[in-house]
Amino acid sequence: MDVIFIEPWPEHVERMRKHALRVTRATDVAEFSVPMRALHVTDVQQFAKQTPVDSALVCNEVLRHGLDDQMIQQYLTSDGYVVAPELHE
């Protein structure tokens, strides 16, 4: 399964691209790093040129304001889904 992180802060995208994702504090697992793909929120349209994705996980309420379910839905498989935080106004 490919995991793509979508991030609103350009500095975070560059750091993830350069240093991978570091997983810490996992129960009974030593710290490790995972290479991954990171995109800035403005680059999401790149998905139009790829195979549809099975799911989208939006982990950040700030990002959710710029990436609504309708925008992501067009890049999902027919049985794909979006998991996102509830927006607090």
PDB file of N, CA and C in Angstrom:
ATOM      1  N   MET A   1       0.842  -1.168   0.000  1.00  0.00           N
ATOM      2  CA  MET A   1       0.000   0.000   0.000  1.00  0.00           C
ATOM      3  C   MET A   1       0.891   1.235   0.000  1.00  0.00           C
ATOM      4  N   ASP A   2       0.655   2.115  -0.936  1.00  0.00           N
ATOM      5  CA  ASP A   2       1.364   3.386  -0.967  1.00  0.00           C
ATOM      6  C   ASP A   2       0.675   4.364  -0.030  1.00  0.00           C
ATOM      7  N   VAL A   3       1.468   5.097   0.717  1.00  0.00           N
ATOM      8  CA  VAL A   3       0.943   6.139   1.590  1.00  0.00           C
ATOM      9  C   VAL A   3       1.531   7.458   1.116  1.00  0.00           C
ATOM     10  N   ILE A   4       0.666   8.412   0.890  1.00  0.00           N
ATOM     11  CA  ILE A   4       1.087   9.734   0.452  1.00  0.00           C
ATOM     12  C   ILE A   4       0.608  10.733   1.493  1.00  0.00           C
ATOM     13  N   PHE A   5       1.519  11.514   2.023  1.00  0.00           N
ATOM     14  CA  PHE A   5       1.167  12.535   2.993  1.00  0.00           C
ATOM     15  C   PHE A   5       0.908  13.840   2.260  1.00  0.00           C
ATOM     16  N   ILE A   6      -0.189  14.493   2.611  1.00  0.00           N
ATOM     17  CA  ILE A   6      -0.548  15.775   2.029  1.00  0.00           C
ATOM     18  C   ILE A   6      -0.479  16.792   3.156  1.00  0.00           C
ATOM     19  N   GLU A   7       0.332  17.792   2.953  1.00  0.00           N
ATOM     20  CA  GLU A   7       0.683  18.724   4.032  1.00  0.00           C
ATOM     21  C   GLU A   7       0.527  20.164   3.556  1.00  0.00           C
ATOM     22  N   PRO A   8      -0.042  21.057   4.373  1.00  0.00           N
ATOM     23  CA  PRO A   8      -0.201  22.445   3.958  1.00  0.00           C
ATOM     24  C   PRO A   8       1.050  23.309   4.120  1.00  0.00           C
ATOM     25  N   TRP A   9       2.048  22.865   4.878  1.00  0.00           N
ATOM     26  CA  TRP A   9       3.229  23.685   5.137  1.00  0.00           C
ATOM     27  C   TRP A   9       4.394  23.213   4.272  1.00  0.00           C
ATOM     28  N   PRO A  10       4.879  24.054   3.331  1.00  0.00           N
ATOM     29  CA  PRO A  10       5.971  23.656   2.432  1.00  0.00           C
ATOM     30  C   PRO A  10       7.220  23.156   3.162  1.00  0.00           C
ATOM     31  N   GLU A  11       7.541  23.761   4.305  1.00  0.00           N
ATOM     32  CA  GLU A  11       8.732  23.329   5.050  1.00  0.00           C
ATOM     33  C   GLU A  11       8.593  21.892   5.534  1.00  0.00           C
ATOM     34  N   HIS A  12       7.387  21.512   5.933  1.00  0.00           N
ATOM     35  CA  HIS A  12       7.154  20.135   6.391  1.00  0.00           C
ATOM     36  C   HIS A  12       7.275  19.148   5.233  1.00  0.00           C
ATOM     37  N   VAL A  13       6.752  19.539   4.066  1.00  0.00           N
ATOM     38  CA  VAL A  13       6.854  18.670   2.890  1.00  0.00           C
ATOM     39  C   VAL A  13       8.319  18.400   2.559  1.00  0.00           C
ATOM     40  N   GLU A  14       9.116  19.448   2.525  1.00  0.00           N
ATOM     41  CA  GLU A  14      10.538  19.277   2.198  1.00  0.00           C
ATOM     42  C   GLU A  14      11.259  18.427   3.238  1.00  0.00           C
ATOM     43  N   ARG A  15      10.932  18.618   4.497  1.00  0.00           N
ATOM     44  CA  ARG A  15      11.569  17.817   5.557  1.00  0.00           C
ATOM     45  C   ARG A  15      11.196  16.342   5.421  1.00  0.00           C
ATOM     46  N   MET A  16       9.914  16.068   5.148  1.00  0.00           N
ATOM     47  CA  MET A  16       9.483  14.673   4.980  1.00  0.00           C
ATOM     48  C   MET A  16      10.162  14.045   3.770  1.00  0.00           C
ATOM     49  N   ARG A  17      10.280  14.795   2.697  1.00  0.00           N
ATOM     50  CA  ARG A  17      10.939  14.266   1.503  1.00  0.00           C
ATOM     51  C   ARG A  17      12.407  13.961   1.777  1.00  0.00           C
ATOM     52  N   LYS A  18      13.049  14.809   2.533  1.00  0.00           N
ATOM     53  CA  LYS A  18      14.478  14.660   2.793  1.00  0.00           C
ATOM     54  C   LYS A  18      14.792  13.607   3.854  1.00  0.00           C
ATOM     55  N   HIS A  19      13.985  13.552   4.912  1.00  0.00           N
ATOM     56  CA  HIS A  19      14.322  12.720   6.067  1.00  0.00           C
ATOM     57  C   HIS A  19      13.405  11.520   6.282  1.00  0.00           C
ATOM     58  N   ALA A  20      12.415  11.319   5.450  1.00  0.00           N
ATOM     59  CA  ALA A  20      11.451  10.228   5.611  1.00  0.00           C
ATOM     60  C   ALA A  20      10.569  10.485   6.836  1.00  0.00           C
ATOM     61  N   LEU A  21       9.783   9.520   7.183  1.00  0.00           N
ATOM     62  CA  LEU A  21       8.893   9.613   8.330  1.00  0.00           C
ATOM     63  C   LEU A  21       9.485   8.809   9.468  1.00  0.00           C
ATOM     64  N   ARG A  22       9.689   9.449  10.598  1.00  0.00           N
ATOM     65  CA  ARG A  22      10.263   8.762  11.752  1.00  0.00           C
ATOM     66  C   ARG A  22       9.141   8.363  12.694  1.00  0.00           C
ATOM     67  N   VAL A  23       9.056   7.081  12.989  1.00  0.00           N
ATOM     68  CA  VAL A  23       8.023   6.555  13.876  1.00  0.00           C
ATOM     69  C   VAL A  23       8.659   6.304  15.237  1.00  0.00           C
ATOM     70  N   THR A  24       8.116   6.960  16.244  1.00  0.00           N
ATOM     71  CA  THR A  24       8.636   6.829  17.606  1.00  0.00           C
ATOM     72  C   THR A  24       7.497   6.487  18.557  1.00  0.00           C
ATOM     73  N   ARG A  25       7.858   5.999  19.678  1.00  0.00           N
ATOM     74  CA  ARG A  25       6.908   5.696  20.746  1.00  0.00           C
ATOM     75  C   ARG A  25       5.868   4.658  20.378  1.00  0.00           C
ATOM     76  N   ALA A  26       6.147   3.822  19.412  1.00  0.00           N
ATOM     77  CA  ALA A  26       5.234   2.730  19.091  1.00  0.00           C
ATOM     78  C   ALA A  26       5.418   1.640  20.150  1.00  0.00           C
ATOM     79  N   THR A  27       4.339   1.065  20.605  1.00  0.00           N
ATOM     80  CA  THR A  27       4.393   0.048  21.642  1.00  0.00           C
ATOM     81  C   THR A  27       5.182  -1.166  21.171  1.00  0.00           C
ATOM     82  N   ASP A  28       6.161  -1.562  21.953  1.00  0.00           N
ATOM     83  CA  ASP A  28       6.965  -2.774  21.705  1.00  0.00           C
ATOM     84  C   ASP A  28       7.690  -2.781  20.360  1.00  0.00           C
ATOM     85  N   VAL A  29       7.950  -1.610  19.789  1.00  0.00           N
ATOM     86  CA  VAL A  29       8.657  -1.519  18.511  1.00  0.00           C
ATOM     87  C   VAL A  29       9.735  -0.446  18.646  1.00  0.00           C
ATOM     88  N   ALA A  30      10.922  -0.785  18.197  1.00  0.00           N
ATOM     89  CA  ALA A  30      12.004   0.205  18.229  1.00  0.00           C
ATOM     90  C   ALA A  30      11.713   1.319  17.227  1.00  0.00           C
ATOM     91  N   GLU A  31      12.243   2.515  17.488  1.00  0.00           N
ATOM     92  CA  GLU A  31      12.085   3.639  16.575  1.00  0.00           C
ATOM     93  C   GLU A  31      12.588   3.256  15.188  1.00  0.00           C
ATOM     94  N   PHE A  32      11.873   3.712  14.139  1.00  0.00           N
ATOM     95  CA  PHE A  32      12.307   3.431  12.772  1.00  0.00           C
ATOM     96  C   PHE A  32      11.853   4.551  11.844  1.00  0.00           C
ATOM     97  N   SER A  33      12.446   4.597  10.655  1.00  0.00           N
ATOM     98  CA  SER A  33      12.080   5.579   9.640  1.00  0.00           C
ATOM     99  C   SER A  33      11.543   4.867   8.411  1.00  0.00           C
ATOM    100  N   VAL A  34      10.606   5.541   7.747  1.00  0.00           N
ATOM    101  CA  VAL A  34       9.975   4.976   6.557  1.00  0.00           C
ATOM    102  C   VAL A  34      10.034   6.004   5.442  1.00  0.00           C
ATOM    103  N   PRO A  35      10.668   5.663   4.314  1.00  0.00           N
ATOM    104  CA  PRO A  35      10.626   6.584   3.175  1.00  0.00           C
ATOM    105  C   PRO A  35       9.172   6.701   2.704  1.00  0.00           C
ATOM    106  N   MET A  36       8.764   7.888   2.332  1.00  0.00           N
ATOM    107  CA  MET A  36       7.408   8.069   1.869  1.00  0.00           C
ATOM    108  C   MET A  36       7.316   9.255   0.940  1.00  0.00           C
ATOM    109  N   ARG A  37       6.177   9.381   0.318  1.00  0.00           N
ATOM    110  CA  ARG A  37       5.941  10.469  -0.613  1.00  0.00           C
ATOM    111  C   ARG A  37       5.154  11.560   0.105  1.00  0.00           C
ATOM    112  N   ALA A  38       5.583  12.780  -0.057  1.00  0.00           N
ATOM    113  CA  ALA A  38       4.889  13.921   0.545  1.00  0.00           C
ATOM    114  C   ALA A  38       4.546  14.932  -0.545  1.00  0.00           C
ATOM    115  N   LEU A  39       3.338  15.437  -0.483  1.00  0.00           N
ATOM    116  CA  LEU A  39       2.876  16.450  -1.433  1.00  0.00           C
ATOM    117  C   LEU A  39       2.371  17.666  -0.673  1.00  0.00           C
ATOM    118  N   HIS A  40       2.571  18.819  -1.264  1.00  0.00           N
ATOM    119  CA  HIS A  40       1.944  20.019  -0.734  1.00  0.00           C
ATOM    120  C   HIS A  40       0.477  19.972  -1.164  1.00  0.00           C
ATOM    121  N   VAL A  41      -0.397  20.549  -0.384  1.00  0.00           N
ATOM    122  CA  VAL A  41      -1.827  20.515  -0.677  1.00  0.00           C
ATOM    123  C   VAL A  41      -2.135  21.025  -2.086  1.00  0.00           C
ATOM    124  N   THR A  42      -1.347  21.949  -2.598  1.00  0.00           N
ATOM    125  CA  THR A  42      -1.589  22.473  -3.948  1.00  0.00           C
ATOM    126  C   THR A  42      -1.205  21.485  -5.044  1.00  0.00           C
ATOM    127  N   ASP A  43      -0.541  20.388  -4.685  1.00  0.00           N
ATOM    128  CA  ASP A  43      -0.114  19.388  -5.666  1.00  0.00           C
ATOM    129  C   ASP A  43      -1.056  18.199  -5.777  1.00  0.00           C
ATOM    130  N   VAL A  44      -2.168  18.234  -5.078  1.00  0.00           N
ATOM    131  CA  VAL A  44      -3.092  17.094  -5.061  1.00  0.00           C
ATOM    132  C   VAL A  44      -3.611  16.752  -6.448  1.00  0.00           C
ATOM    133  N   GLN A  45      -3.703  17.732  -7.327  1.00  0.00           N
ATOM    134  CA  GLN A  45      -4.205  17.453  -8.677  1.00  0.00           C
ATOM    135  C   GLN A  45      -3.331  16.447  -9.421  1.00  0.00           C
ATOM    136  N   GLN A  46      -2.114  16.166  -8.926  1.00  0.00           N
ATOM    137  CA  GLN A  46      -1.267  15.133  -9.530  1.00  0.00           C
ATOM    138  C   GLN A  46      -1.943  13.766  -9.513  1.00  0.00           C
ATOM    139  N   PHE A  47      -2.874  13.569  -8.591  1.00  0.00           N
ATOM    140  CA  PHE A  47      -3.581  12.293  -8.505  1.00  0.00           C
ATOM    141  C   PHE A  47      -4.374  12.000  -9.777  1.00  0.00           C
ATOM    142  N   ALA A  48      -4.746  13.029 -10.517  1.00  0.00           N
ATOM    143  CA  ALA A  48      -5.527  12.838 -11.742  1.00  0.00           C
ATOM    144  C   ALA A  48      -4.774  12.007 -12.762  1.00  0.00           C
ATOM    145  N   LYS A  49      -3.449  11.984 -12.685  1.00  0.00           N
ATOM    146  CA  LYS A  49      -2.620  11.245 -13.640  1.00  0.00           C
ATOM    147  C   LYS A  49      -2.253   9.858 -13.133  1.00  0.00           C
ATOM    148  N   GLN A  50      -2.808   9.444 -11.993  1.00  0.00           N
ATOM    149  CA  GLN A  50      -2.441   8.179 -11.370  1.00  0.00           C
ATOM    150  C   GLN A  50      -3.642   7.256 -11.246  1.00  0.00           C
ATOM    151  N   THR A  51      -3.372   6.029 -10.861  1.00  0.00           N
ATOM    152  CA  THR A  51      -4.421   5.078 -10.550  1.00  0.00           C
ATOM    153  C   THR A  51      -5.185   5.581  -9.329  1.00  0.00           C
ATOM    154  N   PRO A  52      -6.511   5.458  -9.308  1.00  0.00           N
ATOM    155  CA  PRO A  52      -7.278   5.915  -8.142  1.00  0.00           C
ATOM    156  C   PRO A  52      -6.791   5.253  -6.849  1.00  0.00           C
ATOM    157  N   VAL A  53      -6.944   5.968  -5.743  1.00  0.00           N
ATOM    158  CA  VAL A  53      -6.496   5.465  -4.446  1.00  0.00           C
ATOM    159  C   VAL A  53      -7.656   4.836  -3.693  1.00  0.00           C
ATOM    160  N   ASP A  54      -7.331   3.923  -2.769  1.00  0.00           N
ATOM    161  CA  ASP A  54      -8.351   3.219  -1.997  1.00  0.00           C
ATOM    162  C   ASP A  54      -8.910   4.051  -0.854  1.00  0.00           C
ATOM    163  N   SER A  55      -8.068   4.867  -0.267  1.00  0.00           N
ATOM    164  CA  SER A  55      -8.538   5.675   0.857  1.00  0.00           C
ATOM    165  C   SER A  55      -7.670   6.912   1.001  1.00  0.00           C
ATOM    166  N   ALA A  56      -8.252   7.909   1.624  1.00  0.00           N
ATOM    167  CA  ALA A  56      -7.526   9.143   1.920  1.00  0.00           C
ATOM    168  C   ALA A  56      -7.716   9.428   3.400  1.00  0.00           C
ATOM    169  N   LEU A  57      -6.626   9.634   4.089  1.00  0.00           N
ATOM    170  CA  LEU A  57      -6.663   9.940   5.510  1.00  0.00           C
ATOM    171  C   LEU A  57      -6.180  11.376   5.695  1.00  0.00           C
ATOM    172  N   VAL A  58      -7.080  12.246   6.103  1.00  0.00           N
ATOM    173  CA  VAL A  58      -6.743  13.637   6.343  1.00  0.00           C
ATOM    174  C   VAL A  58      -6.544  13.778   7.846  1.00  0.00           C
ATOM    175  N   CYS A  59      -5.315  14.028   8.264  1.00  0.00           N
ATOM    176  CA  CYS A  59      -4.960  13.979   9.684  1.00  0.00           C
ATOM    177  C   CYS A  59      -4.979  15.327  10.372  1.00  0.00           C
ATOM    178  N   ASN A  60      -5.304  16.363   9.694  1.00  0.00           N
ATOM    179  CA  ASN A  60      -5.067  17.694  10.210  1.00  0.00           C
ATOM    180  C   ASN A  60      -6.268  18.576   9.898  1.00  0.00           C
ATOM    181  N   GLU A  61      -6.839  19.211  10.889  1.00  0.00           N
ATOM    182  CA  GLU A  61      -8.016  20.050  10.673  1.00  0.00           C
ATOM    183  C   GLU A  61      -7.713  21.235   9.761  1.00  0.00           C
ATOM    184  N   VAL A  62      -6.509  21.792   9.873  1.00  0.00           N
ATOM    185  CA  VAL A  62      -6.122  22.903   8.992  1.00  0.00           C
ATOM    186  C   VAL A  62      -6.162  22.444   7.539  1.00  0.00           C
ATOM    187  N   LEU A  63      -5.613  21.272   7.271  1.00  0.00           N
ATOM    188  CA  LEU A  63      -5.616  20.730   5.913  1.00  0.00           C
ATOM    189  C   LEU A  63      -7.033  20.458   5.440  1.00  0.00           C
ATOM    190  N   ARG A  64      -7.867  19.984   6.328  1.00  0.00           N
ATOM    191  CA  ARG A  64      -9.244  19.672   5.966  1.00  0.00           C
ATOM    192  C   ARG A  64      -9.968  20.898   5.419  1.00  0.00           C
ATOM    193  N   HIS A  65      -9.634  22.078   5.897  1.00  0.00           N
ATOM    194  CA  HIS A  65     -10.279  23.297   5.396  1.00  0.00           C
ATOM    195  C   HIS A  65      -9.959  23.516   3.919  1.00  0.00           C
ATOM    196  N   GLY A  66      -8.784  23.103   3.462  1.00  0.00           N
ATOM    197  CA  GLY A  66      -8.401  23.306   2.071  1.00  0.00           C
ATOM    198  C   GLY A  66      -8.632  22.105   1.181  1.00  0.00           C
ATOM    199  N   LEU A  67      -8.893  20.955   1.772  1.00  0.00           N
ATOM    200  CA  LEU A  67      -9.054  19.707   1.016  1.00  0.00           C
ATOM    201  C   LEU A  67     -10.367  19.060   1.424  1.00  0.00           C
ATOM    202  N   ASP A  68     -11.459  19.475   0.868  1.00  0.00           N
ATOM    203  CA  ASP A  68     -12.717  18.887   1.297  1.00  0.00           C
ATOM    204  C   ASP A  68     -12.957  17.526   0.654  1.00  0.00           C
ATOM    205  N   ASP A  69     -13.924  16.807   1.181  1.00  0.00           N
ATOM    206  CA  ASP A  69     -14.220  15.457   0.696  1.00  0.00           C
ATOM    207  C   ASP A  69     -14.513  15.430  -0.795  1.00  0.00           C
ATOM    208  N   GLN A  70     -15.182  16.452  -1.313  1.00  0.00           N
ATOM    209  CA  GLN A  70     -15.527  16.492  -2.731  1.00  0.00           C
ATOM    210  C   GLN A  70     -14.272  16.513  -3.602  1.00  0.00           C
ATOM    211  N   MET A  71     -13.267  17.261  -3.181  1.00  0.00           N
ATOM    212  CA  MET A  71     -12.026  17.354  -3.951  1.00  0.00           C
ATOM    213  C   MET A  71     -11.302  16.012  -3.976  1.00  0.00           C
ATOM    214  N   ILE A  72     -11.246  15.354  -2.841  1.00  0.00           N
ATOM    215  CA  ILE A  72     -10.550  14.072  -2.749  1.00  0.00           C
ATOM    216  C   ILE A  72     -11.329  12.955  -3.441  1.00  0.00           C
ATOM    217  N   GLN A  73     -12.647  13.004  -3.336  1.00  0.00           N
ATOM    218  CA  GLN A  73     -13.501  11.930  -3.851  1.00  0.00           C
ATOM    219  C   GLN A  73     -13.195  11.578  -5.306  1.00  0.00           C
ATOM    220  N   GLN A  74     -12.876  12.556  -6.119  1.00  0.00           N
ATOM    221  CA  GLN A  74     -12.634  12.302  -7.537  1.00  0.00           C
ATOM    222  C   GLN A  74     -11.402  11.427  -7.800  1.00  0.00           C
ATOM    223  N   TYR A  75     -10.533  11.278  -6.800  1.00  0.00           N
ATOM    224  CA  TYR A  75      -9.315  10.489  -6.968  1.00  0.00           C
ATOM    225  C   TYR A  75      -9.400   9.109  -6.318  1.00  0.00           C
ATOM    226  N   LEU A  76     -10.578   8.759  -5.780  1.00  0.00           N
ATOM    227  CA  LEU A  76     -10.748   7.481  -5.093  1.00  0.00           C
ATOM    228  C   LEU A  76     -11.306   6.410  -6.021  1.00  0.00           C
ATOM    229  N   THR A  77     -11.041   5.155  -5.674  1.00  0.00           N
ATOM    230  CA  THR A  77     -11.690   4.044  -6.363  1.00  0.00           C
ATOM    231  C   THR A  77     -13.188   4.112  -6.062  1.00  0.00           C
ATOM    232  N   SER A  78     -13.983   3.338  -6.773  1.00  0.00           N
ATOM    233  CA  SER A  78     -15.438   3.393  -6.586  1.00  0.00           C
ATOM    234  C   SER A  78     -15.864   3.018  -5.165  1.00  0.00           C
ATOM    235  N   ASP A  79     -15.086   2.187  -4.487  1.00  0.00           N
ATOM    236  CA  ASP A  79     -15.421   1.830  -3.100  1.00  0.00           C
ATOM    237  C   ASP A  79     -14.457   2.478  -2.102  1.00  0.00           C
ATOM    238  N   GLY A  80     -13.742   3.512  -2.549  1.00  0.00           N
ATOM    239  CA  GLY A  80     -12.793   4.210  -1.688  1.00  0.00           C
ATOM    240  C   GLY A  80     -13.505   5.115  -0.682  1.00  0.00           C
ATOM    241  N   TYR A  81     -12.750   5.587   0.297  1.00  0.00           N
ATOM    242  CA  TYR A  81     -13.348   6.429   1.331  1.00  0.00           C
ATOM    243  C   TYR A  81     -12.351   7.457   1.859  1.00  0.00           C
ATOM    244  N   VAL A  82     -12.892   8.464   2.528  1.00  0.00           N
ATOM    245  CA  VAL A  82     -12.098   9.532   3.138  1.00  0.00           C
ATOM    246  C   VAL A  82     -12.318   9.476   4.648  1.00  0.00           C
ATOM    247  N   VAL A  83     -11.242   9.512   5.404  1.00  0.00           N
ATOM    248  CA  VAL A  83     -11.315   9.619   6.855  1.00  0.00           C
ATOM    249  C   VAL A  83     -10.712  10.968   7.205  1.00  0.00           C
ATOM    250  N   ALA A  84     -11.496  11.809   7.901  1.00  0.00           N
ATOM    251  CA  ALA A  84     -11.028  13.165   8.202  1.00  0.00           C
ATOM    252  C   ALA A  84     -11.553  13.607   9.552  1.00  0.00           C
ATOM    253  N   PRO A  85     -10.860  14.566  10.175  1.00  0.00           N
ATOM    254  CA  PRO A  85     -11.324  15.071  11.471  1.00  0.00           C
ATOM    255  C   PRO A  85     -12.576  15.908  11.292  1.00  0.00           C
ATOM    256  N   GLU A  86     -13.360  15.970  12.348  1.00  0.00           N
ATOM    257  CA  GLU A  86     -14.533  16.838  12.351  1.00  0.00           C
ATOM    258  C   GLU A  86     -14.040  18.281  12.407  1.00  0.00           C
ATOM    259  N   LEU A  87     -14.650  19.128  11.614  1.00  0.00           N
ATOM    260  CA  LEU A  87     -14.275  20.540  11.616  1.00  0.00           C
ATOM    261  C   LEU A  87     -14.937  21.243  12.792  1.00  0.00           C
ATOM    262  N   HIS A  88     -14.155  22.066  13.479  1.00  0.00           N
ATOM    263  CA  HIS A  88     -14.677  22.845  14.593  1.00  0.00           C
ATOM    264  C   HIS A  88     -14.676  24.312  14.186  1.00  0.00           C
ATOM    265  N   GLU A  89     -15.806  24.898  14.192  1.00  0.00           N
ATOM    266  CA  GLU A  89     -15.936  26.310  13.785  1.00  0.00           C
ATOM    267  C   GLU A  89     -15.775  27.206  14.986  1.00  0.00           C
TER     268      GLU A  89
END
